[in-house]
C-alpha atoms as a PDB file:
ATOM      1  CA  UNK A   1     -52.491-135.753-201.373  1.00  0.00           C
ATOM      2  CA  UNK A   2     -52.403-137.777-198.082  1.00  0.00           C
ATOM      3  CA  UNK A   3     -49.467-138.150-195.875  1.00  0.00           C
ATOM      4  CA  UNK A   4     -49.198-141.900-195.053  1.00  0.00           C
ATOM      5  CA  UNK A   5     -47.142-145.077-195.547  1.00  0.00           C
ATOM      6  CA  UNK A   6     -47.308-147.163-198.922  1.00  0.00           C
ATOM      7  CA  UNK A   7     -47.894-150.786-199.120  1.00  0.00           C
ATOM      8  CA  UNK A   8     -44.881-152.031-201.050  1.00  0.00           C
ATOM      9  CA  UNK A   9     -43.193-154.845-199.139  1.00  0.00           C
ATOM     10  CA  UNK A  10     -43.369-158.391-200.621  1.00  0.00           C
ATOM     11  CA  UNK A  11     -45.426-160.921-198.794  1.00  0.00           C
ATOM     12  CA  UNK A  12     -43.262-162.664-195.998  1.00  0.00           C
ATOM     13  CA  UNK A  13     -42.398-166.435-196.736  1.00  0.00           C
ATOM     14  CA  UNK A  14     -44.791-167.764-194.119  1.00  0.00           C
ATOM     15  CA  UNK A  15     -47.705-166.617-196.349  1.00  0.00           C
ATOM     16  CA  UNK A  16     -46.935-168.806-199.308  1.00  0.00           C
ATOM     17  CA  UNK A  17     -49.096-171.699-198.451  1.00  0.00           C
ATOM     18  CA  UNK A  18     -51.932-169.247-197.549  1.00  0.00           C
ATOM     19  CA  UNK A  19     -51.641-167.151-200.667  1.00  0.00           C
ATOM     20  CA  UNK A  20     -51.880-170.148-202.890  1.00  0.00           C
ATOM     21  CA  UNK A  21     -55.376-171.026-201.684  1.00  0.00           C
ATOM     22  CA  UNK A  22     -57.068-168.079-203.254  1.00  0.00           C
ATOM     23  CA  UNK A  23     -54.873-167.394-206.350  1.00  0.00           C
ATOM     24  CA  UNK A  24     -56.709-167.672-209.725  1.00  0.00           C
ATOM     25  CA  UNK A  25     -53.553-168.981-211.577  1.00  0.00           C
ATOM     26  CA  UNK A  26     -53.811-172.622-212.721  1.00  0.00           C
ATOM     27  CA  UNK A  27     -51.770-175.152-210.812  1.00  0.00           C
ATOM     28  CA  UNK A  28     -53.132-174.788-207.304  1.00  0.00           C
ATOM     29  CA  UNK A  29     -54.697-177.901-205.916  1.00  0.00           C
ATOM     30  CA  UNK A  30     -56.575-178.893-202.736  1.00  0.00           C
ATOM     31  CA  UNK A  31     -53.530-180.936-201.776  1.00  0.00           C
ATOM     32  CA  UNK A  32     -51.590-177.793-201.144  1.00  0.00           C
ATOM     33  CA  UNK A  33     -53.955-176.426-198.481  1.00  0.00           C
ATOM     34  CA  UNK A  34     -53.229-177.488-194.812  1.00  0.00           C
ATOM     35  CA  UNK A  35     -56.357-179.272-193.393  1.00  0.00           C
ATOM     36  CA  UNK A  36     -56.396-177.001-190.318  1.00  0.00           C
ATOM     37  CA  UNK A  37     -56.518-173.688-192.368  1.00  0.00           C
ATOM     38  CA  UNK A  38     -59.441-171.996-193.855  1.00  0.00           C
ATOM     39  CA  UNK A  39     -58.110-170.245-197.073  1.00  0.00           C
ATOM     40  CA  UNK A  40     -60.615-167.500-197.180  1.00  0.00           C
ATOM     41  CA  UNK A  41     -60.448-166.572-193.399  1.00  0.00           C
ATOM     42  CA  UNK A  42     -56.507-166.554-193.774  1.00  0.00           C
ATOM     43  CA  UNK A  43     -56.626-164.210-196.563  1.00  0.00           C
ATOM     44  CA  UNK A  44     -59.101-161.872-194.932  1.00  0.00           C
ATOM     45  CA  UNK A  45     -56.864-161.769-191.868  1.00  0.00           C
ATOM     46  CA  UNK A  46     -53.764-161.044-193.910  1.00  0.00           C
ATOM     47  CA  UNK A  47     -55.810-158.436-195.671  1.00  0.00           C
ATOM     48  CA  UNK A  48     -56.572-156.749-192.314  1.00  0.00           C
ATOM     49  CA  UNK A  49     -52.852-156.820-191.274  1.00  0.00           C
ATOM     50  CA  UNK A  50     -52.120-154.520-193.973  1.00  0.00           C
ATOM     51  CA  UNK A  51     -53.585-151.650-192.045  1.00  0.00           C
ATOM     52  CA  UNK A  52     -50.646-151.987-189.777  1.00  0.00           C
ATOM     53  CA  UNK A  53     -48.539-150.478-192.666  1.00  0.00           C
ATOM     54  CA  UNK A  54     -50.813-147.560-193.413  1.00  0.00           C
ATOM     55  CA  UNK A  55     -54.272-146.001-192.778  1.00  0.00           C
ATOM     56  CA  UNK A  56     -55.794-147.298-196.008  1.00  0.00           C
ATOM     57  CA  UNK A  57     -55.963-150.025-198.583  1.00  0.00           C
ATOM     58  CA  UNK A  58     -56.496-149.976-202.272  1.00  0.00           C
ATOM     59  CA  UNK A  59     -57.648-153.080-204.168  1.00  0.00           C
ATOM     60  CA  UNK A  60     -54.916-152.964-206.737  1.00  0.00           C
ATOM     61  CA  UNK A  61     -52.163-152.649-204.158  1.00  0.00           C
ATOM     62  CA  UNK A  62     -53.515-155.321-201.877  1.00  0.00           C
ATOM     63  CA  UNK A  63     -53.898-157.556-204.677  1.00  0.00           C
ATOM     64  CA  UNK A  64     -50.072-157.237-205.527  1.00  0.00           C
ATOM     65  CA  UNK A  65     -49.116-157.274-201.992  1.00  0.00           C
ATOM     66  CA  UNK A  66     -50.863-160.584-201.171  1.00  0.00           C
ATOM     67  CA  UNK A  67     -50.668-162.243-204.533  1.00  0.00           C
ATOM     68  CA  UNK A  68     -54.460-162.461-204.823  1.00  0.00           C
ATOM     69  CA  UNK A  69     -56.612-161.608-207.687  1.00  0.00           C
ATOM     70  CA  UNK A  70     -58.304-158.117-207.719  1.00  0.00           C
ATOM     71  CA  UNK A  71     -61.779-159.842-207.678  1.00  0.00           C
ATOM     72  CA  UNK A  72     -60.871-161.878-204.693  1.00  0.00           C
ATOM     73  CA  UNK A  73     -59.593-158.782-202.716  1.00  0.00           C
ATOM     74  CA  UNK A  74     -62.711-157.032-203.836  1.00  0.00           C
ATOM     75  CA  UNK A  75     -65.038-159.633-202.347  1.00  0.00           C
ATOM     76  CA  UNK A  76     -62.955-159.962-199.319  1.00  0.00           C
ATOM     77  CA  UNK A  77     -63.195-156.172-198.689  1.00  0.00           C
ATOM     78  CA  UNK A  78     -66.966-156.030-199.444  1.00  0.00           C
ATOM     79  CA  UNK A  79     -67.564-158.667-197.031  1.00  0.00           C
ATOM     80  CA  UNK A  80     -65.440-157.034-194.281  1.00  0.00           C
ATOM     81  CA  UNK A  81     -67.317-153.789-195.088  1.00  0.00           C
ATOM     82  CA  UNK A  82     -70.737-155.480-194.428  1.00  0.00           C
ATOM     83  CA  UNK A  83     -69.528-156.623-191.022  1.00  0.00           C
ATOM     84  CA  UNK A  84     -68.014-153.244-190.020  1.00  0.00           C
ATOM     85  CA  UNK A  85     -64.351-154.246-190.130  1.00  0.00           C
ATOM     86  CA  UNK A  86     -63.540-151.819-192.866  1.00  0.00           C
ATOM     87  CA  UNK A  87     -65.227-148.739-194.348  1.00  0.00           C
ATOM     88  CA  UNK A  88     -65.200-147.833-198.129  1.00  0.00           C
ATOM     89  CA  UNK A  89     -64.422-144.275-199.181  1.00  0.00           C
ATOM     90  CA  UNK A  90     -66.136-144.042-202.544  1.00  0.00           C
ATOM     91  CA  UNK A  91     -64.448-140.553-203.356  1.00  0.00           C
ATOM     92  CA  UNK A  92     -60.896-141.919-203.157  1.00  0.00           C
ATOM     93  CA  UNK A  93     -61.674-145.769-203.743  1.00  0.00           C
ATOM     94  CA  UNK A  94     -59.842-146.686-200.691  1.00  0.00           C
ATOM     95  CA  UNK A  95     -60.829-148.847-197.697  1.00  0.00           C
ATOM     96  CA  UNK A  96     -60.061-147.810-194.069  1.00  0.00           C
ATOM     97  CA  UNK A  97     -60.337-149.632-190.725  1.00  0.00           C
ATOM     98  CA  UNK A  98     -63.979-149.733-189.636  1.00  0.00           C
ATOM     99  CA  UNK A  99     -65.490-149.369-186.040  1.00  0.00           C
ATOM    100  CA  UNK A 100     -65.556-153.098-185.487  1.00  0.00           C
ATOM    101  CA  UNK A 101     -61.816-153.605-186.193  1.00  0.00           C
ATOM    102  CA  UNK A 102     -60.955-150.494-184.094  1.00  0.00           C
ATOM    103  CA  UNK A 103     -62.943-151.927-181.133  1.00  0.00           C
ATOM    104  CA  UNK A 104     -61.285-155.230-181.247  1.00  0.00           C
ATOM    105  CA  UNK A 105     -57.772-153.909-181.655  1.00  0.00           C
ATOM    106  CA  UNK A 106     -58.186-151.413-178.722  1.00  0.00           C
ATOM    107  CA  UNK A 107     -58.607-153.943-175.949  1.00  0.00           C
ATOM    108  CA  UNK A 108     -56.420-151.591-173.795  1.00  0.00           C
ATOM    109  CA  UNK A 109     -59.182-148.866-173.789  1.00  0.00           C
ATOM    110  CA  UNK A 110     -61.760-150.510-171.464  1.00  0.00           C
ATOM    111  CA  UNK A 111     -64.204-147.517-171.057  1.00  0.00           C
ATOM    112  CA  UNK A 112     -66.769-147.114-173.685  1.00  0.00           C
ATOM    113  CA  UNK A 113     -67.295-143.663-172.240  1.00  0.00           C
ATOM    114  CA  UNK A 114     -63.886-142.570-173.331  1.00  0.00           C
ATOM    115  CA  UNK A 115     -64.679-143.615-177.016  1.00  0.00           C
ATOM    116  CA  UNK A 116     -68.128-142.044-176.784  1.00  0.00           C
ATOM    117  CA  UNK A 117     -66.867-138.719-175.270  1.00  0.00           C
ATOM    118  CA  UNK A 118     -63.772-138.787-177.386  1.00  0.00           C
ATOM    119  CA  UNK A 119     -65.798-139.129-180.514  1.00  0.00           C
ATOM    120  CA  UNK A 120     -68.011-136.251-179.756  1.00  0.00           C
ATOM    121  CA  UNK A 121     -64.854-134.001-178.833  1.00  0.00           C
ATOM    122  CA  UNK A 122     -63.230-135.066-182.109  1.00  0.00           C
ATOM    123  CA  UNK A 123     -66.352-134.070-184.151  1.00  0.00           C
ATOM    124  CA  UNK A 124     -66.431-130.597-182.679  1.00  0.00           C
ATOM    125  CA  UNK A 125     -62.665-130.235-182.959  1.00  0.00           C
ATOM    126  CA  UNK A 126     -62.777-131.306-186.687  1.00  0.00           C
ATOM    127  CA  UNK A 127     -65.699-129.050-187.236  1.00  0.00           C
ATOM    128  CA  UNK A 128     -63.771-126.004-185.887  1.00  0.00           C
ATOM    129  CA  UNK A 129     -60.438-126.568-187.456  1.00  0.00           C
ATOM    130  CA  UNK A 130     -61.310-128.327-190.782  1.00  0.00           C
ATOM    131  CA  UNK A 131     -58.223-130.592-190.266  1.00  0.00           C
ATOM    132  CA  UNK A 132     -57.749-134.249-189.428  1.00  0.00           C
ATOM    133  CA  UNK A 133     -58.082-134.838-185.808  1.00  0.00           C
ATOM    134  CA  UNK A 134     -57.071-137.959-183.725  1.00  0.00           C
ATOM    135  CA  UNK A 135     -57.690-139.348-180.240  1.00  0.00           C
ATOM    136  CA  UNK A 136     -54.777-141.184-178.522  1.00  0.00           C
ATOM    137  CA  UNK A 137     -53.825-142.926-175.384  1.00  0.00           C
ATOM    138  CA  UNK A 138     -50.450-143.406-173.831  1.00  0.00           C
ATOM    139  CA  UNK A 139     -48.921-146.831-173.691  1.00  0.00           C
ATOM    140  CA  UNK A 140     -45.494-146.620-171.962  1.00  0.00           C
ATOM    141  CA  UNK A 141     -43.237-144.616-174.184  1.00  0.00           C
ATOM    142  CA  UNK A 142     -45.597-144.630-177.230  1.00  0.00           C
ATOM    143  CA  UNK A 143     -49.054-143.428-178.041  1.00  0.00           C
ATOM    144  CA  UNK A 144     -51.676-145.258-179.944  1.00  0.00           C
ATOM    145  CA  UNK A 145     -54.324-143.613-181.938  1.00  0.00           C
ATOM    146  CA  UNK A 146     -57.780-145.092-181.155  1.00  0.00           C
ATOM    147  CA  UNK A 147     -60.118-142.895-183.213  1.00  0.00           C
ATOM    148  CA  UNK A 148     -59.798-140.324-185.991  1.00  0.00           C
ATOM    149  CA  UNK A 149     -61.758-138.032-188.205  1.00  0.00           C
ATOM    150  CA  UNK A 150     -60.159-137.155-191.440  1.00  0.00           C
ATOM    151  CA  UNK A 151     -60.338-133.740-193.028  1.00  0.00           C
ATOM    152  CA  UNK A 152     -62.332-133.206-196.293  1.00  0.00           C
ATOM    153  CA  UNK A 153     -59.612-130.880-197.677  1.00  0.00           C
ATOM    154  CA  UNK A 154     -57.821-132.080-200.793  1.00  0.00           C
ATOM    155  CA  UNK A 155     -54.501-131.717-199.232  1.00  0.00           C
ATOM    156  CA  UNK A 156     -54.680-133.302-195.782  1.00  0.00           C
ATOM    157  CA  UNK A 157     -53.093-135.565-193.143  1.00  0.00           C
ATOM    158  CA  UNK A 158     -54.514-139.173-193.406  1.00  0.00           C
ATOM    159  CA  UNK A 159     -56.133-140.951-190.469  1.00  0.00           C
ATOM    160  CA  UNK A 160     -53.599-142.511-188.001  1.00  0.00           C
ATOM    161  CA  UNK A 161     -56.183-144.909-186.479  1.00  0.00           C
ATOM    162  CA  UNK A 162     -54.393-147.803-185.069  1.00  0.00           C
ATOM    163  CA  UNK A 163     -51.028-146.331-185.485  1.00  0.00           C
ATOM    164  CA  UNK A 164     -48.314-146.340-182.627  1.00  0.00           C
ATOM    165  CA  UNK A 165     -45.741-143.408-182.557  1.00  0.00           C
ATOM    166  CA  UNK A 166     -43.092-142.308-180.117  1.00  0.00           C
ATOM    167  CA  UNK A 167     -44.858-140.173-177.370  1.00  0.00           C
ATOM    168  CA  UNK A 168     -41.873-137.801-176.870  1.00  0.00           C
ATOM    169  CA  UNK A 169     -42.027-136.715-180.612  1.00  0.00           C
ATOM    170  CA  UNK A 170     -45.766-136.149-180.953  1.00  0.00           C
ATOM    171  CA  UNK A 171     -48.173-133.453-179.827  1.00  0.00           C
ATOM    172  CA  UNK A 172     -50.503-135.967-178.334  1.00  0.00           C
ATOM    173  CA  UNK A 173     -47.667-137.862-176.548  1.00  0.00           C
ATOM    174  CA  UNK A 174     -46.137-134.647-175.029  1.00  0.00           C
ATOM    175  CA  UNK A 175     -49.533-133.539-173.871  1.00  0.00           C
ATOM    176  CA  UNK A 176     -49.994-136.816-171.977  1.00  0.00           C
ATOM    177  CA  UNK A 177     -46.197-136.973-170.643  1.00  0.00           C
ATOM    178  CA  UNK A 178     -46.715-133.437-169.316  1.00  0.00           C
ATOM    179  CA  UNK A 179     -49.230-134.882-166.980  1.00  0.00           C
ATOM    180  CA  UNK A 180     -46.515-137.002-165.293  1.00  0.00           C
ATOM    181  CA  UNK A 181     -43.857-135.725-162.811  1.00  0.00           C
ATOM    182  CA  UNK A 182     -40.350-135.351-163.994  1.00  0.00           C
ATOM    183  CA  UNK A 183     -39.570-138.592-162.029  1.00  0.00           C
ATOM    184  CA  UNK A 184     -42.367-140.419-163.665  1.00  0.00           C
ATOM    185  CA  UNK A 185     -41.096-139.177-167.064  1.00  0.00           C
ATOM    186  CA  UNK A 186     -37.565-140.376-166.351  1.00  0.00           C
ATOM    187  CA  UNK A 187     -38.821-143.774-165.383  1.00  0.00           C
ATOM    188  CA  UNK A 188     -40.456-144.041-168.868  1.00  0.00           C
ATOM    189  CA  UNK A 189     -37.191-142.791-170.415  1.00  0.00           C
ATOM    190  CA  UNK A 190     -34.490-144.121-168.128  1.00  0.00           C
ATOM    191  CA  UNK A 191     -31.553-142.980-170.297  1.00  0.00           C
ATOM    192  CA  UNK A 192     -30.240-139.592-170.542  1.00  0.00           C
ATOM    193  CA  UNK A 193     -30.557-139.780-174.373  1.00  0.00           C
ATOM    194  CA  UNK A 194     -33.731-141.141-175.997  1.00  0.00           C
ATOM    195  CA  UNK A 195     -32.761-143.377-178.785  1.00  0.00           C
ATOM    196  CA  UNK A 196     -33.563-142.836-182.351  1.00  0.00           C
ATOM    197  CA  UNK A 197     -36.941-144.416-183.247  1.00  0.00           C
ATOM    198  CA  UNK A 198     -37.874-144.963-186.894  1.00  0.00           C
ATOM    199  CA  UNK A 199     -37.626-141.570-188.573  1.00  0.00           C
ATOM    200  CA  UNK A 200     -37.478-139.696-185.216  1.00  0.00           C
ATOM    201  CA  UNK A 201     -33.827-138.627-184.275  1.00  0.00           C
ATOM    202  CA  UNK A 202     -32.578-139.196-180.817  1.00  0.00           C
ATOM    203  CA  UNK A 203     -33.015-136.536-178.210  1.00  0.00           C
ATOM    204  CA  UNK A 204     -31.692-135.594-174.753  1.00  0.00           C
ATOM    205  CA  UNK A 205     -34.073-136.448-171.980  1.00  0.00           C
ATOM    206  CA  UNK A 206     -33.289-132.952-170.338  1.00  0.00           C
ATOM    207  CA  UNK A 207     -34.686-131.307-173.464  1.00  0.00           C
ATOM    208  CA  UNK A 208     -37.841-133.283-173.306  1.00  0.00           C
ATOM    209  CA  UNK A 209     -38.324-132.307-169.758  1.00  0.00           C
ATOM    210  CA  UNK A 210     -37.970-128.647-170.692  1.00  0.00           C
ATOM    211  CA  UNK A 211     -40.533-128.999-173.587  1.00  0.00           C
ATOM    212  CA  UNK A 212     -43.030-130.675-171.147  1.00  0.00           C
ATOM    213  CA  UNK A 213     -42.647-127.831-168.603  1.00  0.00           C
ATOM    214  CA  UNK A 214     -43.702-125.476-171.495  1.00  0.00           C
ATOM    215  CA  UNK A 215     -46.591-127.804-172.255  1.00  0.00           C
ATOM    216  CA  UNK A 216     -47.810-127.449-168.592  1.00  0.00           C
ATOM    217  CA  UNK A 217     -47.753-123.713-168.764  1.00  0.00           C
ATOM    218  CA  UNK A 218     -49.553-123.164-172.119  1.00  0.00           C
ATOM    219  CA  UNK A 219     -51.837-126.289-171.680  1.00  0.00           C
ATOM    220  CA  UNK A 220     -51.306-127.525-175.206  1.00  0.00           C
ATOM    221  CA  UNK A 221     -48.279-129.412-176.897  1.00  0.00           C
ATOM    222  CA  UNK A 222     -46.931-128.938-180.530  1.00  0.00           C
ATOM    223  CA  UNK A 223     -45.132-131.055-183.145  1.00  0.00           C
ATOM    224  CA  UNK A 224     -43.547-129.275-186.058  1.00  0.00           C
ATOM    225  CA  UNK A 225     -42.335-132.159-188.289  1.00  0.00           C
ATOM    226  CA  UNK A 226     -40.680-134.101-185.481  1.00  0.00           C
ATOM    227  CA  UNK A 227     -42.649-137.423-185.704  1.00  0.00           C
ATOM    228  CA  UNK A 228     -43.239-137.089-189.565  1.00  0.00           C
ATOM    229  CA  UNK A 229     -41.417-134.552-191.741  1.00  0.00           C
ATOM    230  CA  UNK A 230     -44.404-133.028-193.392  1.00  0.00           C
ATOM    231  CA  UNK A 231     -46.841-133.058-190.275  1.00  0.00           C
ATOM    232  CA  UNK A 232     -47.746-130.153-187.877  1.00  0.00           C
ATOM    233  CA  UNK A 233     -49.762-131.054-184.782  1.00  0.00           C
ATOM    234  CA  UNK A 234     -51.353-129.592-181.710  1.00  0.00           C
ATOM    235  CA  UNK A 235     -52.319-131.759-178.732  1.00  0.00           C
ATOM    236  CA  UNK A 236     -54.356-131.350-175.539  1.00  0.00           C
ATOM    237  CA  UNK A 237     -55.462-133.868-172.771  1.00  0.00           C
ATOM    238  CA  UNK A 238     -59.085-134.570-172.038  1.00  0.00           C
ATOM    239  CA  UNK A 239     -59.901-135.236-168.455  1.00  0.00           C
ATOM    240  CA  UNK A 240     -62.354-137.529-166.519  1.00  0.00           C
ATOM    241  CA  UNK A 241     -64.342-136.689-163.392  1.00  0.00           C
ATOM    242  CA  UNK A 242     -61.294-137.299-161.263  1.00  0.00           C
ATOM    243  CA  UNK A 243     -59.270-134.669-163.175  1.00  0.00           C
ATOM    244  CA  UNK A 244     -57.154-137.460-164.659  1.00  0.00           C
ATOM    245  CA  UNK A 245     -55.871-137.147-168.102  1.00  0.00           C
ATOM    246  CA  UNK A 246     -57.501-140.163-169.887  1.00  0.00           C
ATOM    247  CA  UNK A 247     -56.580-139.459-173.638  1.00  0.00           C
ATOM    248  CA  UNK A 248     -55.304-136.765-175.924  1.00  0.00           C
ATOM    249  CA  UNK A 249     -56.944-134.889-178.632  1.00  0.00           C
ATOM    250  CA  UNK A 250     -54.648-133.754-181.550  1.00  0.00           C
ATOM    251  CA  UNK A 251     -55.205-131.676-184.667  1.00  0.00           C
ATOM    252  CA  UNK A 252     -52.774-132.608-187.581  1.00  0.00           C
ATOM    253  CA  UNK A 253     -52.208-130.484-190.743  1.00  0.00           C
ATOM    254  CA  UNK A 254     -49.520-130.317-193.548  1.00  0.00           C
ATOM    255  CA  UNK A 255     -46.732-128.060-192.606  1.00  0.00           C
ATOM    256  CA  UNK A 256     -47.729-125.745-195.606  1.00  0.00           C
ATOM    257  CA  UNK A 257     -50.525-124.703-193.313  1.00  0.00           C
ATOM    258  CA  UNK A 258     -49.389-125.530-189.849  1.00  0.00           C
ATOM    259  CA  UNK A 259     -47.097-122.743-189.091  1.00  0.00           C
ATOM    260  CA  UNK A 260     -46.691-121.086-185.695  1.00  0.00           C
ATOM    261  CA  UNK A 261     -49.698-118.860-186.157  1.00  0.00           C
ATOM    262  CA  UNK A 262     -51.743-121.888-186.889  1.00  0.00           C
ATOM    263  CA  UNK A 263     -50.476-123.718-183.899  1.00  0.00           C
ATOM    264  CA  UNK A 264     -51.282-120.771-181.552  1.00  0.00           C
ATOM    265  CA  UNK A 265     -54.883-120.421-183.019  1.00  0.00           C
ATOM    266  CA  UNK A 266     -55.502-124.195-182.929  1.00  0.00           C
ATOM    267  CA  UNK A 267     -54.125-124.602-179.555  1.00  0.00           C
ATOM    268  CA  UNK A 268     -56.623-122.098-178.205  1.00  0.00           C
ATOM    269  CA  UNK A 269     -59.389-123.905-179.891  1.00  0.00           C
ATOM    270  CA  UNK A 270     -58.296-127.395-178.792  1.00  0.00           C
ATOM    271  CA  UNK A 271     -57.834-126.189-175.023  1.00  0.00           C
ATOM    272  CA  UNK A 272     -61.493-124.757-175.121  1.00  0.00           C
ATOM    273  CA  UNK A 273     -62.876-127.908-176.517  1.00  0.00           C
ATOM    274  CA  UNK A 274     -60.944-129.995-173.945  1.00  0.00           C
ATOM    275  CA  UNK A 275     -62.418-127.767-171.113  1.00  0.00           C
ATOM    276  CA  UNK A 276     -65.892-128.153-172.563  1.00  0.00           C
ATOM    277  CA  UNK A 277     -65.647-132.111-172.357  1.00  0.00           C
ATOM    278  CA  UNK A 278     -63.507-132.237-169.163  1.00  0.00           C
ATOM    279  CA  UNK A 279     -65.486-134.317-166.393  1.00  0.00           C
ATOM    280  CA  UNK A 280     -67.681-136.061-168.815  1.00  0.00           C
ATOM    281  CA  UNK A 281     -65.793-139.257-168.839  1.00  0.00           C
ATOM    282  CA  UNK A 282     -66.576-141.456-165.720  1.00  0.00           C
END
């Protein structure tokens, strides 16, 4: 079972004219198509936008979500797969974001060295923990997952590639926030209470500062169901040649496995791997 969002919201009204272009039901005529819009391209773009709601797409779900036939969705996904925008997981029959889509969507990450080194570090971390691992960067008060390797276990946490989450409530975010001074953290969170965000409850800024002090002391951050109820995580920073924290590596596991003992053991592994790759990024 994978943790993740489900695609269940109805298509927004602005899509009506786009959805009509590829539907197989009778009654749709060329007169209904705006001259400046290419129907197949519009449908492909709307299909890709579904990844903002969760880490994977199923043909049947996407068909209902967009109002397109299953065969149309299947052809679109096959085309996107050929060009690297999505990848197909044959074992689960789902489609996930591909390397080309990730590259285009991550314009904030300008160094290819970061991605290259990050992928190598992720591969080693995944191999030693057998859990889903993520590479994330800090963007203001949020973190964005820019790469991920999913565990092969039957019960696992799904990829968070492309997701943004509140930095103060995640292991990766806390690891990166701990690199800032208290004054810099307070500039990111100017209010004494950090407001509720999605499913993350409000927290006191003073409590966050205390947590970050602990992260600095032990060199890894933890998350025990704070960003997502069923997720435990450990996060560490990966440094460049100037000793600057460029990104965070995190290991995520279901809370059924991710207890305090798991966090301590995983923290030691993650710190060792972060040290191994420190200074490799230009």
